[in-house]
Protein backbone atom coordinates (compact mmCIF):
# COMPACT_ATOMS: atom_id res chain seq x y z
CA MET A 1 -139.23 67.90 1.01
CA ALA A 2 -142.80 67.38 -0.21
CA LYS A 3 -142.85 70.96 -1.46
CA GLU A 4 -139.62 70.38 -3.38
CA GLN A 5 -141.10 67.25 -5.01
CA LYS A 6 -144.21 69.21 -5.94
CA GLU A 7 -142.13 71.97 -7.51
CA MET A 8 -140.04 69.43 -9.38
CA SER A 9 -143.23 67.80 -10.63
CA PHE A 10 -144.51 71.16 -11.85
CA LEU A 11 -141.18 71.96 -13.52
CA GLY A 12 -141.24 68.51 -15.08
CA HIS A 13 -144.63 69.25 -16.62
CA LEU A 14 -143.33 72.55 -17.98
CA GLU A 15 -140.34 70.79 -19.51
CA GLU A 16 -142.62 68.19 -21.07
CA LEU A 17 -144.89 70.93 -22.44
CA ARG A 18 -141.87 72.72 -23.88
CA TRP A 19 -140.84 69.67 -25.87
CA HIS A 20 -144.38 69.14 -27.15
CA LEU A 21 -144.37 72.76 -28.37
CA VAL A 22 -140.92 72.35 -29.91
CA ARG A 23 -141.97 69.25 -31.85
CA SER A 24 -145.20 70.93 -32.98
CA ALA A 25 -143.36 74.03 -34.15
CA SER A 26 -140.77 71.86 -35.91
CA ALA A 27 -143.51 70.02 -37.84
CA ILE A 28 -145.04 73.33 -38.93
CA PHE A 29 -141.70 74.78 -40.03
CA ILE A 30 -140.65 71.64 -41.92
CA LEU A 31 -143.90 71.67 -43.90
CA ALA A 32 -143.64 75.45 -44.36
CA ILE A 33 -140.16 75.02 -45.87
CA VAL A 34 -141.53 72.45 -48.33
CA PHE A 35 -144.37 74.79 -49.32
CA PHE A 36 -141.89 77.67 -49.68
CA ILE A 37 -139.60 75.62 -51.95
CA PHE A 38 -142.55 74.75 -54.19
CA ALA A 39 -144.15 78.20 -53.87
CA GLU A 40 -144.79 78.59 -57.61
CA GLU A 41 -146.74 75.34 -57.81
CA VAL A 42 -148.60 76.10 -54.57
CA TYR A 43 -149.68 79.54 -55.79
CA ASP A 44 -150.57 78.52 -59.35
CA ASN A 45 -152.49 75.36 -58.42
CA PHE A 46 -153.91 76.24 -55.01
CA LEU A 47 -153.85 79.79 -53.67
CA LEU A 48 -154.54 81.45 -57.04
CA ALA A 49 -156.66 78.66 -58.51
CA HIS A 50 -159.95 80.49 -57.91
CA ILE A 51 -159.19 83.33 -60.35
CA LYS A 52 -159.01 80.88 -63.24
CA PRO A 53 -162.30 80.72 -65.21
CA ASP A 54 -161.90 76.96 -65.70
CA PHE A 55 -161.75 76.19 -61.96
CA ILE A 56 -163.70 72.97 -61.37
CA THR A 57 -166.27 74.48 -58.99
CA TYR A 58 -167.49 77.02 -61.54
CA ASN A 59 -168.21 74.26 -64.05
CA VAL A 60 -169.92 72.04 -61.46
CA PHE A 61 -172.11 74.91 -60.21
CA CYS A 62 -173.08 75.83 -63.76
CA ASP A 63 -174.16 72.26 -64.54
CA PHE A 64 -175.97 71.99 -61.19
CA PHE A 65 -178.04 75.13 -61.66
CA ASN A 66 -178.79 74.29 -65.29
CA LEU A 67 -180.10 70.92 -64.14
CA PHE A 68 -182.90 72.78 -62.34
CA GLY A 69 -183.39 75.32 -65.10
CA LEU A 70 -181.80 78.14 -63.11
CA ASP A 71 -179.62 80.84 -64.62
CA SER A 72 -176.25 81.20 -62.98
CA ALA A 73 -173.34 83.60 -63.27
CA PHE A 74 -171.05 80.60 -62.87
CA CYS A 75 -171.84 79.62 -66.46
CA ASN A 76 -170.05 82.71 -67.71
CA VAL A 77 -167.16 83.20 -65.34
CA SER A 78 -164.66 85.87 -66.26
CA PHE A 79 -161.96 87.76 -64.42
CA GLU A 80 -161.15 90.80 -66.53
CA ASN A 81 -158.22 91.73 -64.33
CA ASN A 82 -156.86 88.66 -62.60
CA LYS A 83 -153.31 89.99 -62.26
CA LEU A 84 -152.56 90.78 -58.64
CA GLN A 85 -150.41 93.74 -57.66
CA SER A 86 -147.28 93.51 -55.56
CA ILE A 87 -146.69 97.10 -54.51
CA LYS A 88 -143.90 96.61 -51.99
CA VAL A 89 -140.38 95.35 -52.59
CA THR A 90 -140.76 92.59 -49.99
CA SER A 91 -144.41 91.73 -50.72
CA GLN A 92 -143.89 88.53 -52.67
CA LEU A 93 -141.21 87.16 -50.35
CA MET A 94 -143.10 87.92 -47.13
CA ASN A 95 -146.38 86.70 -48.57
CA SER A 96 -144.76 83.44 -49.64
CA ILE A 97 -143.28 82.94 -46.17
CA TRP A 98 -146.54 83.76 -44.37
CA SER A 99 -148.75 81.61 -46.61
CA SER A 100 -146.26 78.71 -46.28
CA LEU A 101 -146.54 78.92 -42.49
CA ILE A 102 -150.34 78.93 -42.60
CA LEU A 103 -150.42 75.96 -44.96
CA GLY A 104 -147.92 74.26 -42.67
CA VAL A 105 -150.31 74.71 -39.74
CA ILE A 106 -153.22 73.34 -41.78
CA LEU A 107 -151.40 70.25 -43.04
CA SER A 108 -149.82 69.45 -39.67
CA PHE A 109 -153.14 69.74 -37.80
CA PRO A 110 -153.44 65.98 -37.02
CA TYR A 111 -149.90 65.92 -35.65
CA LEU A 112 -150.57 69.01 -33.52
CA LEU A 113 -153.63 67.28 -32.07
CA TRP A 114 -151.54 64.20 -31.37
CA GLU A 115 -148.98 66.27 -29.46
CA ILE A 116 -151.78 67.84 -27.41
CA TRP A 117 -153.16 64.37 -26.75
CA ARG A 118 -149.77 63.07 -25.62
CA PHE A 119 -149.50 65.93 -23.15
CA VAL A 120 -153.03 65.58 -21.75
CA SER A 121 -153.49 61.78 -21.77
CA PRO A 122 -151.30 60.99 -18.70
CA GLY A 123 -153.81 62.89 -16.55
CA LEU A 124 -156.80 60.90 -17.84
CA THR A 125 -158.26 57.72 -16.47
CA ILE A 126 -158.19 54.46 -18.43
CA ASN A 127 -161.91 54.76 -19.24
CA GLU A 128 -161.48 58.36 -20.44
CA ILE A 129 -158.58 57.30 -22.68
CA LYS A 130 -160.65 54.46 -24.18
CA ARG A 131 -163.65 56.72 -24.82
CA SER A 132 -161.54 59.38 -26.55
CA ARG A 133 -159.38 57.19 -28.78
CA GLY A 134 -161.10 58.42 -31.92
CA PHE A 135 -160.70 62.08 -30.97
CA ILE A 136 -157.70 62.81 -33.20
CA PHE A 137 -159.21 61.05 -36.22
CA LEU A 138 -162.63 62.70 -35.83
CA ALA A 139 -161.28 66.19 -35.19
CA SER A 140 -158.84 65.89 -38.11
CA PHE A 141 -161.57 64.54 -40.39
CA LEU A 142 -163.88 67.47 -39.60
CA PHE A 143 -161.00 69.93 -40.00
CA PHE A 144 -160.05 68.71 -43.48
CA ILE A 145 -163.69 68.52 -44.54
CA GLY A 146 -163.77 72.20 -43.61
CA VAL A 147 -160.64 72.83 -45.69
CA LEU A 148 -162.18 71.14 -48.73
CA PHE A 149 -165.53 72.89 -48.26
CA SER A 150 -163.79 76.25 -47.95
CA PHE A 151 -161.52 75.69 -50.95
CA TYR A 152 -164.08 74.24 -53.33
CA ILE A 153 -167.27 76.00 -52.21
CA ILE A 154 -166.90 79.17 -50.14
CA ALA A 155 -163.68 80.54 -51.65
CA PRO A 156 -164.74 80.33 -55.33
CA ILE A 157 -168.20 81.73 -54.59
CA SER A 158 -166.79 84.65 -52.62
CA ILE A 159 -163.90 85.41 -54.97
CA HIS A 160 -166.10 85.27 -58.06
CA PHE A 161 -168.53 87.71 -56.47
CA LEU A 162 -165.94 90.10 -55.02
CA TYR A 163 -163.81 90.23 -58.18
CA ASN A 164 -166.84 91.07 -60.32
CA TYR A 165 -168.61 93.40 -57.90
CA GLN A 166 -168.46 97.02 -59.04
CA ILE A 167 -170.42 100.01 -57.77
CA THR A 168 -169.82 102.08 -60.90
CA ASP A 169 -167.70 101.95 -64.05
CA ALA A 170 -165.76 104.91 -62.69
CA ILE A 171 -164.10 102.55 -60.20
CA GLN A 172 -161.59 99.99 -61.41
CA ASN A 173 -160.80 96.90 -59.36
CA SER A 174 -157.09 96.31 -58.91
CA PHE A 175 -156.38 93.90 -56.08
CA THR A 176 -153.15 93.32 -54.22
CA LEU A 177 -151.43 90.02 -53.58
CA GLU A 178 -151.85 90.43 -49.82
CA SER A 179 -155.61 90.99 -50.01
CA HIS A 180 -156.25 87.92 -52.18
CA ILE A 181 -154.00 85.51 -50.29
CA GLY A 182 -155.26 86.87 -46.97
CA LEU A 183 -158.85 86.22 -48.05
CA VAL A 184 -158.12 82.64 -49.14
CA THR A 185 -156.02 81.64 -46.12
CA ASN A 186 -158.45 83.25 -43.65
CA MET A 187 -161.29 81.29 -45.23
CA LEU A 188 -159.34 78.04 -45.10
CA LEU A 189 -158.49 78.44 -41.41
CA GLY A 190 -161.77 80.04 -40.33
CA VAL A 191 -164.12 77.54 -41.96
CA SER A 192 -161.97 74.58 -40.91
CA ILE A 193 -162.13 75.72 -37.29
CA LEU A 194 -165.88 76.25 -37.66
CA PHE A 195 -166.21 72.60 -38.71
CA GLU A 196 -164.80 71.66 -35.30
CA LEU A 197 -168.13 72.75 -33.75
CA PRO A 198 -169.23 69.20 -32.74
CA VAL A 199 -165.88 68.63 -31.02
CA LEU A 200 -166.15 71.98 -29.23
CA ILE A 201 -169.70 71.24 -28.10
CA TYR A 202 -168.55 67.85 -26.81
CA PHE A 203 -166.01 69.43 -24.45
CA LEU A 204 -168.32 72.30 -23.45
CA THR A 205 -170.98 69.76 -22.54
CA LYS A 206 -168.46 67.68 -20.60
CA ILE A 207 -167.61 70.65 -18.36
CA GLY A 208 -171.25 71.70 -18.01
CA LEU A 209 -171.25 74.95 -20.00
CA VAL A 210 -173.64 73.70 -22.70
CA THR A 211 -176.65 71.39 -22.70
CA PRO A 212 -178.83 69.91 -25.48
CA ASP A 213 -181.77 71.95 -24.19
CA PHE A 214 -179.74 75.13 -24.50
CA LEU A 215 -178.76 74.32 -28.08
CA ARG A 216 -182.32 73.43 -29.03
CA LYS A 217 -183.66 76.58 -27.38
CA TYR A 218 -181.38 78.81 -29.46
CA ARG A 219 -181.68 76.81 -32.69
CA LYS A 220 -183.72 79.56 -34.37
CA HIS A 221 -181.19 82.18 -33.30
CA ALA A 222 -178.39 80.02 -34.71
CA LEU A 223 -180.31 79.70 -37.99
CA VAL A 224 -180.54 83.49 -38.30
CA VAL A 225 -176.82 83.89 -37.58
CA VAL A 226 -175.91 81.23 -40.14
CA LEU A 227 -178.07 82.84 -42.83
CA ILE A 228 -176.52 86.23 -42.11
CA LEU A 229 -173.02 84.77 -42.39
CA ALA A 230 -173.97 82.99 -45.61
CA ALA A 231 -175.35 86.25 -47.03
CA ILE A 232 -172.12 88.08 -46.16
CA ILE A 233 -169.69 85.61 -47.72
CA THR A 234 -171.73 84.68 -50.81
CA PRO A 235 -173.21 86.54 -53.78
CA PRO A 236 -176.74 87.94 -53.30
CA ASP A 237 -178.63 84.95 -54.66
CA ILE A 238 -180.58 82.35 -52.73
CA ALA A 239 -178.97 79.29 -54.30
CA SER A 240 -175.43 80.21 -53.25
CA GLN A 241 -176.49 81.15 -49.72
CA VAL A 242 -178.26 77.81 -49.27
CA ILE A 243 -175.16 75.91 -50.47
CA VAL A 244 -173.10 77.57 -47.73
CA ALA A 245 -175.73 77.50 -44.98
CA ILE A 246 -176.77 73.83 -45.20
CA PRO A 247 -173.48 72.23 -44.01
CA ILE A 248 -173.23 74.65 -41.08
CA LEU A 249 -176.78 73.87 -39.99
CA ILE A 250 -176.08 70.14 -40.29
CA LEU A 251 -173.06 70.61 -38.02
CA TYR A 252 -175.26 72.41 -35.50
CA GLU A 253 -177.76 69.53 -35.46
CA ILE A 254 -174.90 67.04 -35.09
CA SER A 255 -173.63 69.11 -32.16
CA ILE A 256 -177.02 68.81 -30.43
CA LYS A 257 -176.89 65.02 -30.77
CA VAL A 258 -173.32 64.97 -29.48
CA SER A 259 -174.31 67.06 -26.47
CA ARG A 260 -177.31 64.81 -25.76
CA ARG A 261 -175.12 61.72 -25.90
CA VAL A 262 -172.61 63.21 -23.47
CA ILE A 263 -175.38 64.10 -21.00
CA LYS A 264 -176.85 60.58 -21.19
CA LYS A 265 -173.45 59.03 -20.49
CA GLN A 266 -172.91 61.36 -17.53
CA GLN A 267 -176.34 60.48 -16.10
CA LYS A 268 -175.69 56.77 -16.62
CA ASN A 269 -172.31 56.97 -14.85
CA ALA A 270 -173.90 58.95 -11.99
CA GLN A 271 -176.51 56.24 -11.48
CA LYS A 272 -173.85 53.54 -11.43
CA GLY A 273 -171.86 55.56 -8.91
């Protein structure tokens, strides 16, 4: 009888998880349908915005570098061939569907976190629930900061460089729709997830996989990795690499403080116990 109750309890959890997944998927698909309906506006004003010479970031960067007397390629932005190729019959349709789904995931991120929270919270204690009330807001805030940073900083820097990079005049750049949209959406998702670093460190510290001492010990290694990543995704000039590297390094330092705070709370609770 006890075994039957246990199995029913397990099956009940599976059923509950199923409905959380159904609601999460429904939210993504509903938003994806909206993005698909307004695909022209989404592409013109968002996904293809970076190949327009008057994109706001190019003007801001030009003024910023001029303020310090530095020459910048952003003051003379041009895309000689900004028409993307669609070389398959189904390319535009499938690309519109796929990009709508990705944007649906991005915009529904707070709701997805809330569904996860609803599934996990019954197994937490009252104190754990109180201490983690701001989790959804903080994680969502960091995520959308990452989206904005990717869209307004990393994407325009990278696209401007890649579109104008040419080994020799004998080679003509002619990019496909899939390659451009894939680059933009991968940046949006990748950088946004990267901005979740403090949240990730919080949970890794909670389960004992990471400590503040460990993070401090490998700070120099992290700096090297960040500079390498910045050099890969930005044009070969110091100013652009610094613009990309600084926020990531700030997140790393914040993660160290988060980890230290978690350890102090654990030690304090252990002393009380």
